[in-house]
Structure formats: structure tokens, C-alpha cells
C-alpha atoms as a PDB file:
ATOM      1  CA  MET A   1      22.930 133.842 145.493  1.00  0.00           C
ATOM      2  CA  ASN A   2      21.450 132.605 148.664  1.00  0.00           C
ATOM      3  CA  ASN A   3      23.215 131.110 151.630  1.00  0.00           C
ATOM      4  CA  LEU A   4      22.384 128.472 153.999  1.00  0.00           C
ATOM      5  CA  ASP A   5      19.703 129.493 156.042  1.00  0.00           C
ATOM      6  CA  SER A   6      17.398 130.403 152.830  1.00  0.00           C
ATOM      7  CA  ILE A   7      18.335 126.617 151.616  1.00  0.00           C
ATOM      8  CA  THR A   8      17.576 125.083 154.657  1.00  0.00           C
ATOM      9  CA  SER A   9      14.431 127.210 154.990  1.00  0.00           C
ATOM     10  CA  VAL A  10      13.380 125.848 152.086  1.00  0.00           C
ATOM     11  CA  ILE A  11      13.964 121.942 152.960  1.00  0.00           C
ATOM     12  CA  ARG A  12      12.429 122.627 156.232  1.00  0.00           C
ATOM     13  CA  SER A  13       8.856 124.302 155.299  1.00  0.00           C
ATOM     14  CA  TRP A  14       8.117 121.943 152.217  1.00  0.00           C
ATOM     15  CA  HIS A  15       6.567 118.184 151.821  1.00  0.00           C
ATOM     16  CA  SER A  16       7.410 116.742 148.342  1.00  0.00           C
ATOM     17  CA  PHE A  17      10.704 117.005 147.495  1.00  0.00           C
ATOM     18  CA  LEU A  18      12.124 115.520 143.240  1.00  0.00           C
ATOM     19  CA  LEU A  19      16.201 115.288 143.556  1.00  0.00           C
ATOM     20  CA  CYS A  20      18.181 115.418 140.634  1.00  0.00           C
ATOM     21  CA  GLY A  21      21.927 114.466 139.143  1.00  0.00           C
ATOM     22  CA  HIS A  22      23.251 115.659 136.248  1.00  0.00           C
ATOM     23  CA  ILE A  23      23.827 112.902 133.171  1.00  0.00           C
ATOM     24  CA  MET A  24      26.240 110.500 133.006  1.00  0.00           C
ATOM     25  CA  PRO A  25      26.416 110.518 137.120  1.00  0.00           C
ATOM     26  CA  ASP A  26      29.861 111.069 138.799  1.00  0.00           C
ATOM     27  CA  GLY A  27      30.181 109.691 142.562  1.00  0.00           C
ATOM     28  CA  ASP A  28      29.701 113.619 143.587  1.00  0.00           C
ATOM     29  CA  SER A  29      26.705 113.847 142.277  1.00  0.00           C
ATOM     30  CA  LEU A  30      24.671 110.403 143.146  1.00  0.00           C
ATOM     31  CA  GLY A  31      27.140 110.377 146.528  1.00  0.00           C
ATOM     32  CA  SER A  32      25.465 113.944 147.293  1.00  0.00           C
ATOM     33  CA  MET A  33      21.578 112.762 146.338  1.00  0.00           C
ATOM     34  CA  LEU A  34      21.512 109.943 148.030  1.00  0.00           C
ATOM     35  CA  ALA A  35      22.712 111.709 151.276  1.00  0.00           C
ATOM     36  CA  LEU A  36      20.435 114.654 151.372  1.00  0.00           C
ATOM     37  CA  GLY A  37      17.272 112.135 149.915  1.00  0.00           C
ATOM     38  CA  LYS A  38      18.423 109.833 153.417  1.00  0.00           C
ATOM     39  CA  VAL A  39      18.373 112.620 155.895  1.00  0.00           C
ATOM     40  CA  LEU A  40      15.386 114.460 153.878  1.00  0.00           C
ATOM     41  CA  GLU A  41      13.692 111.059 154.943  1.00  0.00           C
ATOM     42  CA  GLN A  42      14.908 111.259 158.229  1.00  0.00           C
ATOM     43  CA  MET A  43      12.819 114.098 158.872  1.00  0.00           C
ATOM     44  CA  GLY A  44       9.238 112.630 157.047  1.00  0.00           C
ATOM     45  CA  LYS A  45       9.723 114.676 153.805  1.00  0.00           C
ATOM     46  CA  GLN A  46       8.472 112.617 150.378  1.00  0.00           C
ATOM     47  CA  VAL A  47      11.633 111.995 148.493  1.00  0.00           C
ATOM     48  CA  THR A  48      11.539 110.567 144.773  1.00  0.00           C
ATOM     49  CA  MET A  49      16.005 110.804 143.347  1.00  0.00           C
ATOM     50  CA  VAL A  50      16.006 109.944 140.052  1.00  0.00           C
ATOM     51  CA  SER A  51      18.664 110.019 136.709  1.00  0.00           C
ATOM     52  CA  PHE A  52      18.668 109.606 133.483  1.00  0.00           C
ATOM     53  CA  ASP A  53      21.806 107.776 132.917  1.00  0.00           C
ATOM     54  CA  PRO A  54      22.549 104.658 134.659  1.00  0.00           C
ATOM     55  CA  VAL A  55      24.721 104.644 137.851  1.00  0.00           C
ATOM     56  CA  PRO A  56      28.309 103.260 136.954  1.00  0.00           C
ATOM     57  CA  ASP A  57      29.768  99.826 137.956  1.00  0.00           C
ATOM     58  CA  ASN A  58      31.762 101.533 140.475  1.00  0.00           C
ATOM     59  CA  LEU A  59      28.961 103.091 142.963  1.00  0.00           C
ATOM     60  CA  THR A  60      26.481 100.275 142.376  1.00  0.00           C
ATOM     61  CA  PHE A  61      27.395  99.752 146.593  1.00  0.00           C
ATOM     62  CA  LEU A  62      26.025 102.981 147.063  1.00  0.00           C
ATOM     63  CA  PRO A  63      23.494 103.052 150.166  1.00  0.00           C
ATOM     64  CA  GLY A  64      20.253 104.219 149.467  1.00  0.00           C
ATOM     65  CA  ILE A  65      20.967 103.689 145.647  1.00  0.00           C
ATOM     66  CA  ASP A  66      18.114 101.266 145.361  1.00  0.00           C
ATOM     67  CA  CYS A  67      16.166 103.941 145.648  1.00  0.00           C
ATOM     68  CA  LEU A  68      16.524 106.025 142.346  1.00  0.00           C
ATOM     69  CA  HIS A  69      14.521 106.037 139.718  1.00  0.00           C
ATOM     70  CA  THR A  70      16.867 105.964 136.437  1.00  0.00           C
ATOM     71  CA  GLY A  71      15.199 106.300 132.679  1.00  0.00           C
ATOM     72  CA  GLN A  72      13.145 108.779 131.519  1.00  0.00           C
ATOM     73  CA  ARG A  73      10.030 108.711 133.622  1.00  0.00           C
ATOM     74  CA  GLU A  74       6.975 110.920 133.990  1.00  0.00           C
ATOM     75  CA  PHE A  75       5.608 111.282 137.506  1.00  0.00           C
ATOM     76  CA  ASN A  76       2.015 111.015 138.231  1.00  0.00           C
ATOM     77  CA  GLN A  77       2.281 113.208 141.151  1.00  0.00           C
ATOM     78  CA  ASP A  78       3.008 116.860 142.112  1.00  0.00           C
ATOM     79  CA  PHE A  79       6.035 118.110 143.544  1.00  0.00           C
ATOM     80  CA  ASP A  80       7.086 120.730 145.844  1.00  0.00           C
ATOM     81  CA  VAL A  81      10.639 120.887 145.053  1.00  0.00           C
ATOM     82  CA  PHE A  82      12.860 120.488 142.317  1.00  0.00           C
ATOM     83  CA  MET A  83      15.877 120.521 143.167  1.00  0.00           C
ATOM     84  CA  MET A  84      19.660 120.339 141.360  1.00  0.00           C
ATOM     85  CA  LEU A  85      22.839 118.811 142.976  1.00  0.00           C
ATOM     86  CA  ASP A  86      26.429 118.864 140.575  1.00  0.00           C
ATOM     87  CA  CYS A  87      24.591 120.345 137.422  1.00  0.00           C
ATOM     88  CA  SER A  88      26.367 123.040 135.782  1.00  0.00           C
ATOM     89  CA  SER A  89      23.472 123.968 133.000  1.00  0.00           C
ATOM     90  CA  PRO A  90      19.796 122.537 132.133  1.00  0.00           C
ATOM     91  CA  ASP A  91      21.210 120.151 129.622  1.00  0.00           C
ATOM     92  CA  ARG A  92      23.166 118.415 132.481  1.00  0.00           C
ATOM     93  CA  LEU A  93      19.789 117.124 133.678  1.00  0.00           C
ATOM     94  CA  GLY A  94      19.318 115.384 130.409  1.00  0.00           C
ATOM     95  CA  PRO A  95      15.077 114.999 129.734  1.00  0.00           C
ATOM     96  CA  TYR A  96      14.795 115.869 133.714  1.00  0.00           C
ATOM     97  CA  TYR A  97      15.538 119.793 132.589  1.00  0.00           C
ATOM     98  CA  LYS A  98      11.949 120.297 131.641  1.00  0.00           C
ATOM     99  CA  MET A  99      10.959 119.949 136.086  1.00  0.00           C
ATOM    100  CA  LEU A 100      12.886 124.038 135.530  1.00  0.00           C
ATOM    101  CA  GLN A 101       9.285 124.456 133.055  1.00  0.00           C
ATOM    102  CA  ARG A 102       6.537 123.640 135.572  1.00  0.00           C
ATOM    103  CA  GLU A 103       4.957 125.763 138.959  1.00  0.00           C
ATOM    104  CA  LEU A 104       7.087 124.319 141.615  1.00  0.00           C
ATOM    105  CA  ILE A 105       9.924 125.641 143.499  1.00  0.00           C
ATOM    106  CA  THR A 106      13.629 125.452 142.218  1.00  0.00           C
ATOM    107  CA  VAL A 107      16.689 125.096 144.299  1.00  0.00           C
ATOM    108  CA  ASN A 108      19.857 124.679 142.397  1.00  0.00           C
ATOM    109  CA  ILE A 109      23.194 123.551 144.853  1.00  0.00           C
ATOM    110  CA  ASP A 110      26.511 123.473 142.633  1.00  0.00           C
ATOM    111  CA  HIS A 111      29.851 124.230 142.881  1.00  0.00           C
ATOM    112  CA  HIS A 112      30.780 124.560 138.982  1.00  0.00           C
ATOM    113  CA  PRO A 113      31.852 127.940 137.789  1.00  0.00           C
ATOM    114  CA  GLY A 114      29.895 129.616 135.332  1.00  0.00           C
ATOM    115  CA  ASN A 115      26.887 127.702 136.574  1.00  0.00           C
ATOM    116  CA  THR A 116      23.868 128.930 134.027  1.00  0.00           C
ATOM    117  CA  ILE A 117      20.700 127.016 135.288  1.00  0.00           C
ATOM    118  CA  GLU A 118      18.124 129.742 136.907  1.00  0.00           C
ATOM    119  CA  ALA A 119      16.356 128.692 139.786  1.00  0.00           C
ATOM    120  CA  GLU A 120      14.325 130.210 142.532  1.00  0.00           C
ATOM    121  CA  TYR A 121      17.009 128.860 144.858  1.00  0.00           C
ATOM    122  CA  THR A 122      20.551 129.403 144.462  1.00  0.00           C
ATOM    123  CA  TYR A 123      23.485 128.117 146.675  1.00  0.00           C
ATOM    124  CA  VAL A 124      27.242 127.394 144.209  1.00  0.00           C
ATOM    125  CA  ASP A 125      30.637 127.834 146.086  1.00  0.00           C
ATOM    126  CA  PHE A 126      33.275 127.972 143.964  1.00  0.00           C
ATOM    127  CA  GLN A 127      35.536 127.153 146.289  1.00  0.00           C
ATOM    128  CA  ALA A 128      33.874 123.564 147.216  1.00  0.00           C
ATOM    129  CA  ALA A 129      35.640 120.371 146.189  1.00  0.00           C
ATOM    130  CA  ALA A 130      32.379 118.762 145.476  1.00  0.00           C
ATOM    131  CA  THR A 131      28.781 119.401 145.937  1.00  0.00           C
ATOM    132  CA  GLY A 132      28.968 116.885 148.598  1.00  0.00           C
ATOM    133  CA  GLU A 133      30.915 119.652 150.799  1.00  0.00           C
ATOM    134  CA  ILE A 134      28.242 121.290 150.389  1.00  0.00           C
ATOM    135  CA  VAL A 135      25.595 119.366 150.416  1.00  0.00           C
ATOM    136  CA  TYR A 136      27.628 118.083 154.125  1.00  0.00           C
ATOM    137  CA  ASP A 137      27.587 121.524 155.825  1.00  0.00           C
ATOM    138  CA  MET A 138      23.689 122.315 154.429  1.00  0.00           C
ATOM    139  CA  LEU A 139      23.283 119.044 156.480  1.00  0.00           C
ATOM    140  CA  LEU A 140      24.765 119.957 159.509  1.00  0.00           C
ATOM    141  CA  TYR A 141      23.284 123.567 159.205  1.00  0.00           C
ATOM    142  CA  LEU A 142      20.195 121.795 159.393  1.00  0.00           C
ATOM    143  CA  GLY A 143      20.958 119.535 162.072  1.00  0.00           C
ATOM    144  CA  ALA A 144      20.742 116.626 161.296  1.00  0.00           C
ATOM    145  CA  ASN A 145      21.689 112.903 162.002  1.00  0.00           C
ATOM    146  CA  ILE A 146      24.667 112.067 160.394  1.00  0.00           C
ATOM    147  CA  THR A 147      24.573 108.081 160.010  1.00  0.00           C
ATOM    148  CA  THR A 148      27.316 105.950 158.807  1.00  0.00           C
ATOM    149  CA  ASP A 149      25.132 105.439 155.113  1.00  0.00           C
ATOM    150  CA  VAL A 150      24.564 109.361 154.531  1.00  0.00           C
ATOM    151  CA  ALA A 151      28.550 109.751 155.264  1.00  0.00           C
ATOM    152  CA  ALA A 152      29.731 106.380 152.862  1.00  0.00           C
ATOM    153  CA  CYS A 153      27.262 108.751 149.856  1.00  0.00           C
ATOM    154  CA  LEU A 154      29.601 112.192 151.335  1.00  0.00           C
ATOM    155  CA  TYR A 155      32.855 110.400 151.466  1.00  0.00           C
ATOM    156  CA  THR A 156      32.225 109.163 148.301  1.00  0.00           C
ATOM    157  CA  ALA A 157      31.087 112.253 146.824  1.00  0.00           C
ATOM    158  CA  ILE A 158      34.325 114.160 147.877  1.00  0.00           C
ATOM    159  CA  ILE A 159      37.276 110.846 147.173  1.00  0.00           C
ATOM    160  CA  THR A 160      35.713 110.798 143.911  1.00  0.00           C
ATOM    161  CA  ASP A 161      35.755 115.075 142.960  1.00  0.00           C
ATOM    162  CA  THR A 162      39.360 115.627 144.348  1.00  0.00           C
ATOM    163  CA  GLY A 163      40.595 112.299 143.150  1.00  0.00           C
ATOM    164  CA  SER A 164      41.688 110.992 145.999  1.00  0.00           C
ATOM    165  CA  PHE A 165      42.934 114.151 147.406  1.00  0.00           C
ATOM    166  CA  ARG A 166      45.210 114.369 144.246  1.00  0.00           C
ATOM    167  CA  TYR A 167      43.464 117.483 142.616  1.00  0.00           C
ATOM    168  CA  GLU A 168      44.367 120.880 144.035  1.00  0.00           C
ATOM    169  CA  ASN A 169      41.172 121.642 144.703  1.00  0.00           C
ATOM    170  CA  THR A 170      41.853 120.187 148.047  1.00  0.00           C
ATOM    171  CA  THR A 171      42.074 121.936 150.816  1.00  0.00           C
ATOM    172  CA  PRO A 172      42.634 122.102 154.425  1.00  0.00           C
ATOM    173  CA  THR A 173      38.567 122.553 154.589  1.00  0.00           C
ATOM    174  CA  THR A 174      38.245 119.082 152.056  1.00  0.00           C
ATOM    175  CA  HIS A 175      40.229 116.775 154.766  1.00  0.00           C
ATOM    176  CA  ARG A 176      38.449 118.098 157.896  1.00  0.00           C
ATOM    177  CA  ARG A 177      35.201 116.963 156.490  1.00  0.00           C
ATOM    178  CA  VAL A 178      36.277 113.967 155.481  1.00  0.00           C
ATOM    179  CA  ALA A 179      37.784 113.659 159.237  1.00  0.00           C
ATOM    180  CA  ASP A 180      34.391 114.387 160.373  1.00  0.00           C
ATOM    181  CA  LEU A 181      32.825 111.401 158.055  1.00  0.00           C
ATOM    182  CA  MET A 182      34.809 109.353 159.123  1.00  0.00           C
ATOM    183  CA  GLN A 183      33.991 109.573 162.981  1.00  0.00           C
ATOM    184  CA  CYS A 184      30.254 108.283 162.202  1.00  0.00           C
ATOM    185  CA  GLY A 185      31.783 104.590 161.269  1.00  0.00           C
ATOM    186  CA  ILE A 186      32.921 104.807 158.050  1.00  0.00           C
ATOM    187  CA  GLU A 187      35.412 102.245 156.314  1.00  0.00           C
ATOM    188  CA  PRO A 188      37.358 104.714 153.562  1.00  0.00           C
ATOM    189  CA  ALA A 189      39.190 101.455 153.144  1.00  0.00           C
ATOM    190  CA  LYS A 190      36.626  99.048 152.179  1.00  0.00           C
ATOM    191  CA  LEU A 191      34.348 102.057 150.415  1.00  0.00           C
ATOM    192  CA  ASN A 192      38.139 102.622 148.563  1.00  0.00           C
ATOM    193  CA  GLU A 193      38.043  99.004 147.063  1.00  0.00           C
ATOM    194  CA  PHE A 194      34.201  99.640 145.617  1.00  0.00           C
ATOM    195  CA  ILE A 195      35.166 103.183 144.140  1.00  0.00           C
ATOM    196  CA  TYR A 196      38.406 101.929 142.781  1.00  0.00           C
ATOM    197  CA  ASP A 197      39.128  98.353 142.427  1.00  0.00           C
ATOM    198  CA  GLN A 198      36.202  95.921 141.333  1.00  0.00           C
ATOM    199  CA  LYS A 199      36.499  96.438 137.454  1.00  0.00           C
ATOM    200  CA  SER A 200      33.955  95.140 135.121  1.00  0.00           C
ATOM    201  CA  LEU A 201      35.265  93.059 132.374  1.00  0.00           C
ATOM    202  CA  PRO A 202      33.428  95.433 130.018  1.00  0.00           C
ATOM    203  CA  ALA A 203      35.015  98.329 130.997  1.00  0.00           C
ATOM    204  CA  ILE A 204      38.780  96.328 131.086  1.00  0.00           C
ATOM    205  CA  LEU A 205      38.147  95.497 127.898  1.00  0.00           C
ATOM    206  CA  LEU A 206      36.823  99.416 126.921  1.00  0.00           C
ATOM    207  CA  LEU A 207      39.705 101.087 128.146  1.00  0.00           C
ATOM    208  CA  ARG A 208      42.553  98.185 125.897  1.00  0.00           C
ATOM    209  CA  ALA A 209      40.730  98.873 122.929  1.00  0.00           C
ATOM    210  CA  ALA A 210      40.686 102.999 123.627  1.00  0.00           C
ATOM    211  CA  LEU A 211      43.755 102.602 124.826  1.00  0.00           C
ATOM    212  CA  GLN A 212      45.381 102.005 120.769  1.00  0.00           C
ATOM    213  CA  THR A 213      44.264 105.255 119.800  1.00  0.00           C
ATOM    214  CA  MET A 214      46.120 107.345 121.921  1.00  0.00           C
ATOM    215  CA  GLN A 215      48.389 109.879 119.831  1.00  0.00           C
ATOM    216  CA  PHE A 216      50.335 113.293 120.884  1.00  0.00           C
ATOM    217  CA  THR A 217      50.834 116.487 119.124  1.00  0.00           C
ATOM    218  CA  LYS A 218      54.582 117.192 117.892  1.00  0.00           C
ATOM    219  CA  CYS A 219      55.619 118.854 121.731  1.00  0.00           C
ATOM    220  CA  LYS A 220      53.637 116.040 123.167  1.00  0.00           C
ATOM    221  CA  ARG A 221      52.127 117.780 125.290  1.00  0.00           C
ATOM    222  CA  VAL A 222      48.597 117.213 124.463  1.00  0.00           C
ATOM    223  CA  ALA A 223      47.559 113.756 124.511  1.00  0.00           C
ATOM    224  CA  TRP A 224      44.401 112.396 122.983  1.00  0.00           C
ATOM    225  CA  ILE A 225      41.873 109.563 123.136  1.00  0.00           C
ATOM    226  CA  SER A 226      38.735 108.324 121.458  1.00  0.00           C
ATOM    227  CA  VAL A 227      35.948 105.729 122.152  1.00  0.00           C
ATOM    228  CA  PHE A 228      33.874 104.791 119.934  1.00  0.00           C
ATOM    229  CA  ARG A 229      29.982 103.219 119.191  1.00  0.00           C
ATOM    230  CA  LYS A 230      32.120 100.069 117.742  1.00  0.00           C
ATOM    231  CA  ASP A 231      34.642 100.238 120.586  1.00  0.00           C
ATOM    232  CA  LEU A 232      31.705  99.903 123.073  1.00  0.00           C
ATOM    233  CA  ALA A 233      30.402  97.422 120.917  1.00  0.00           C
ATOM    234  CA  GLU A 234      32.655  94.365 120.860  1.00  0.00           C
ATOM    235  CA  ALA A 235      33.678  95.233 124.126  1.00  0.00           C
ATOM    236  CA  GLY A 236      30.130  94.768 125.743  1.00  0.00           C
ATOM    237  CA  ALA A 237      30.732  97.827 127.644  1.00  0.00           C
ATOM    238  CA  CYS A 238      28.232 100.798 128.114  1.00  0.00           C
ATOM    239  CA  ASP A 239      28.410 104.998 128.184  1.00  0.00           C
ATOM    240  CA  GLU A 240      29.079 104.900 131.163  1.00  0.00           C
ATOM    241  CA  HIS A 241      32.120 102.428 131.363  1.00  0.00           C
ATOM    242  CA  ALA A 242      34.171 105.257 129.273  1.00  0.00           C
ATOM    243  CA  GLU A 243      34.994 107.186 132.893  1.00  0.00           C
ATOM    244  CA  GLY A 244      37.870 107.853 134.169  1.00  0.00           C
ATOM    245  CA  ILE A 245      39.915 106.757 130.548  1.00  0.00           C
ATOM    246  CA  ILE A 246      41.214 109.528 130.149  1.00  0.00           C
ATOM    247  CA  ASN A 247      43.364 110.572 133.513  1.00  0.00           C
ATOM    248  CA  TYR A 248      45.586 107.579 131.289  1.00  0.00           C
ATOM    249  CA  PRO A 249      46.821 109.842 129.242  1.00  0.00           C
ATOM    250  CA  ARG A 250      46.623 112.729 131.579  1.00  0.00           C
ATOM    251  CA  SER A 251      49.460 110.941 134.128  1.00  0.00           C
ATOM    252  CA  ILE A 252      52.020 110.934 131.234  1.00  0.00           C
ATOM    253  CA  LYS A 253      54.574 112.414 132.292  1.00  0.00           C
ATOM    254  CA  GLY A 254      54.554 116.012 130.013  1.00  0.00           C
ATOM    255  CA  VAL A 255      51.252 116.175 129.193  1.00  0.00           C
ATOM    256  CA  LYS A 256      49.609 119.187 130.534  1.00  0.00           C
ATOM    257  CA  ILE A 257      46.015 118.479 128.469  1.00  0.00           C
ATOM    258  CA  ALA A 258      44.171 115.551 128.196  1.00  0.00           C
ATOM    259  CA  ILE A 259      40.991 114.408 125.453  1.00  0.00           C
ATOM    260  CA  LEU A 260      38.789 112.196 125.211  1.00  0.00           C
ATOM    261  CA  PHE A 261      36.710 112.074 122.084  1.00  0.00           C
ATOM    262  CA  ARG A 262      33.643 109.497 122.831  1.00  0.00           C
ATOM    263  CA  GLU A 263      31.300 109.167 120.407  1.00  0.00           C
ATOM    264  CA  LEU A 264      27.365 109.334 121.219  1.00  0.00           C
ATOM    265  CA  GLU A 265      26.141 108.877 118.067  1.00  0.00           C
ATOM    266  CA  PRO A 266      26.898 109.139 114.861  1.00  0.00           C
ATOM    267  CA  GLY A 267      28.012 112.614 113.867  1.00  0.00           C
ATOM    268  CA  VAL A 268      28.037 113.552 117.914  1.00  0.00           C
ATOM    269  CA  PHE A 269      30.974 113.422 120.414  1.00  0.00           C
ATOM    270  CA  LYS A 270      31.488 114.110 123.834  1.00  0.00           C
ATOM    271  CA  VAL A 271      34.707 115.648 124.145  1.00  0.00           C
ATOM    272  CA  GLY A 272      36.114 115.571 127.775  1.00  0.00           C
ATOM    273  CA  PHE A 273      39.432 117.542 128.408  1.00  0.00           C
ATOM    274  CA  ARG A 274      41.365 117.395 131.287  1.00  0.00           C
ATOM    275  CA  SER A 275      44.725 119.298 132.380  1.00  0.00           C
ATOM    276  CA  LYS A 276      47.886 119.701 134.478  1.00  0.00           C
ATOM    277  CA  GLY A 277      49.765 122.630 135.901  1.00  0.00           C
ATOM    278  CA  GLU A 278      47.905 125.884 134.842  1.00  0.00           C
ATOM    279  CA  VAL A 279      45.820 124.837 131.821  1.00  0.00           C
ATOM    280  CA  ASP A 280      42.410 126.586 132.162  1.00  0.00           C
ATOM    281  CA  VAL A 281      40.910 123.330 130.067  1.00  0.00           C
ATOM    282  CA  ASN A 282      37.008 125.549 131.312  1.00  0.00           C
ATOM    283  CA  ARG A 283      38.740 128.045 128.562  1.00  0.00           C
ATOM    284  CA  LEU A 284      38.434 125.496 125.997  1.00  0.00           C
ATOM    285  CA  ALA A 285      35.287 123.913 126.838  1.00  0.00           C
ATOM    286  CA  SER A 286      34.047 126.830 126.439  1.00  0.00           C
ATOM    287  CA  ASP A 287      34.546 127.712 123.617  1.00  0.00           C
ATOM    288  CA  PHE A 288      33.331 124.963 122.369  1.00  0.00           C
ATOM    289  CA  GLY A 289      29.811 125.577 124.447  1.00  0.00           C
ATOM    290  CA  GLY A 290      30.696 123.068 127.530  1.00  0.00           C
ATOM    291  CA  GLY A 291      32.520 124.057 130.952  1.00  0.00           C
ATOM    292  CA  GLY A 292      33.148 122.326 134.095  1.00  0.00           C
ATOM    293  CA  HIS A 293      36.062 123.026 136.062  1.00  0.00           C
ATOM    294  CA  VAL A 294      39.630 124.429 135.415  1.00  0.00           C
ATOM    295  CA  ARG A 295      41.207 120.862 135.589  1.00  0.00           C
ATOM    296  CA  ALA A 296      38.748 119.296 134.273  1.00  0.00           C
ATOM    297  CA  SER A 297      35.609 120.264 131.797  1.00  0.00           C
ATOM    298  CA  GLY A 298      34.056 118.753 128.689  1.00  0.00           C
ATOM    299  CA  SER A 299      31.385 119.395 125.271  1.00  0.00           C
ATOM    300  CA  THR A 300      29.384 117.863 123.550  1.00  0.00           C
ATOM    301  CA  LEU A 301      29.783 119.049 119.055  1.00  0.00           C
ATOM    302  CA  ARG A 302      28.705 117.228 115.950  1.00  0.00           C
ATOM    303  CA  GLY A 303      30.434 116.747 112.871  1.00  0.00           C
ATOM    304  CA  THR A 304      32.384 114.118 111.191  1.00  0.00           C
ATOM    305  CA  TYR A 305      35.325 112.982 114.050  1.00  0.00           C
ATOM    306  CA  GLU A 306      38.097 114.658 111.704  1.00  0.00           C
ATOM    307  CA  ASP A 307      37.004 117.879 111.612  1.00  0.00           C
ATOM    308  CA  ILE A 308      36.207 117.785 115.387  1.00  0.00           C
ATOM    309  CA  CYS A 309      39.762 116.303 115.893  1.00  0.00           C
ATOM    310  CA  ASN A 310      41.441 119.369 114.840  1.00  0.00           C
ATOM    311  CA  GLU A 311      39.660 121.769 115.366  1.00  0.00           C
ATOM    312  CA  VAL A 312      40.340 120.894 118.982  1.00  0.00           C
ATOM    313  CA  LEU A 313      43.360 120.467 119.468  1.00  0.00           C
ATOM    314  CA  SER A 314      44.240 123.974 117.120  1.00  0.00           C
ATOM    315  CA  GLU A 315      42.442 125.056 119.831  1.00  0.00           C
ATOM    316  CA  ALA A 316      44.248 123.183 122.872  1.00  0.00           C
ATOM    317  CA  ILE A 317      47.561 124.503 121.316  1.00  0.00           C
ATOM    318  CA  ASN A 318      46.738 127.773 121.062  1.00  0.00           C
ATOM    319  CA  LEU A 319      45.493 127.171 124.597  1.00  0.00           C
ATOM    320  CA  LEU A 320      48.264 126.044 125.860  1.00  0.00           C
ATOM    321  CA  GLN A 321      50.583 129.175 123.769  1.00  0.00           C
ATOM    322  CA  ALA A 322      48.576 131.348 125.585  1.00  0.00           C
ATOM    323  CA  ALA A 323      49.553 129.897 128.814  1.00  0.00           C
ATOM    324  CA  ASP A 324      52.853 129.420 128.408  1.00  0.00           C
ATOM    325  CA  GLY A 325      53.967 132.954 126.023  1.00  0.00           C
ATOM    326  CA  SER A 326      55.192 130.393 123.732  1.00  0.00           C
END
């Protein structure tokens, strides 16, 4: 495990950088990447930022988002450094995992437990509430100028990965960092409106369809919800519109584990897990080849919806029983 001194030494020493977040990008992935990218440009570096999946509607306001390359791109130029932000495993890079096979310097910056990316330089802080916190500390270490635009990106990274400071990963240091960002001139109320209060009609129509699928186990402590390709088509929605839907079953009183089954293609489902209390859904996701955080994790499974659903629910109930000794 490297320290910030070694990571910042790489930044100072090299000129051309390719930055990549994870597939299905969220506020932490995009905010961290854009903030770092802006500072690298301030330093006179050549910067290219990529995301395989499109930017969610609620994050299109982020400063510098128009410089982001989306989709699978082939780049003719050579890069000195490939920096991965908020990616816990190679598959989370999408097609850009191939960059790990090239002869260039690789840097892995993340906060997920169980990070499996092998890079020349790795800095993973499990105690950080968001990768944005790590990037903020790194920029201070560099002596960078935290402009209002950079602060807005970092604020978005932190506010989204802490659930607006509602999740237990929020620490006193988290609040201190955000307070410092506010001193840089950001307007939290305006940013929060962009992030949370401007849902598109397709997103609302998809939510309506998903809520109609909600079911519960007999104990009412596990709730699940499903999104199928036909739901997306009927709502005129895209995959990113499903983000956040899992929080609805999670918010129900008495529910300890919430699960979202999202059909990616016939026979392939992305399964998201969220929990409350002492339940570690990272263990559940790991059982199915995935991972993430204690309270938020995910896996990708192949098979019929019925088989996947039955297997996942069975393991979720076992996890609850193990957690409370029943």
C-alpha cells in the first residue's frame, strides 16, 4: 500500500494522464475524477477522462462534465499514467480494464474494502467515506488551488456517497472537509437541488413500475424490487434511471436488507444490496462474486430471474439469522 507522498510524486513527475471511474458512474466516481482532472490541467498536464456508461441526468451539471469521453473509445495517443478512481475491481472498469495490460504507470485510488485491482501504485483508505475525501486530501498535499468548480465536484462526491451524511461512514473529518469546501464558494443548496430534486419523467415512470414489483419475505425484514428491460422500454428510461430505486425498500421501517434485481440483458441481472443496522451485505455480495461496502454492495449473476431471486433471498435470510443469532 502506497501513501499520498508516492501518489503525488507520480503526479508531479509525469505529463499525460488517463483517468477512469467505474461503470454505471455515480457522484463519487465522477466528482472525484473531474476534480482531479481539473487540478491536473491547472498543473499543465495532458488529461483525458473516460466513462464507459453515460452520465446520470442528475450529474450533468458537474463542472467539466462536457470534457468526459463516454462509451468505448480507442485512443491513438500514448499515456504516461492510467489512474483509476473509485473502482474496486477490474471488471468495474468496463472495457478500460485493458489499460492495465499496457506498459504504463497504473494508479489505483479507492475506498472500497476488498479492492482487487493490482496497480503499480495503490492508495485505498477504507475509512474514507468517499473517494472524493481521498482526492481532497491528495490535492491539499499537492498544494493545489481548490477552485469553486473543483470544490463542487468534491462536494458532490462526498454528499452522494454518504447519503447526504445519513450513512454511518460519515465522520467528523467528513464534515470538516465539507466545511472547508464550502469556504471555497460552493452553494450546497443549489448543488443539492441538481443532485436530488430534478428527476426526469422517464426516471419517475420507471420508479412507478419498479414499486409495483416490491415484495417481502415472511419476516418482513427483507424487501426486494425488480427492474426489467421491458420496464425501461415502456418508461423511455435508461439504465442510469434505476439508480437510487433500491433506497425505497431500504427506507421501510423494519426492513434490514433491501435488494434490487436489475435485468441487464436476457439471463443477466445486476443485484444490488443495501442494509441497515449491523447487517454486512458486503458478505452477501461476496458470496455471489461481487463486493462493495458493509451497507451497500452488488453482484452480477447469470440465470433465470426466478432461480437468481430464490438463491439470493435464501442467502439474505441466512445472513440475517447469523446476524441476530436466530
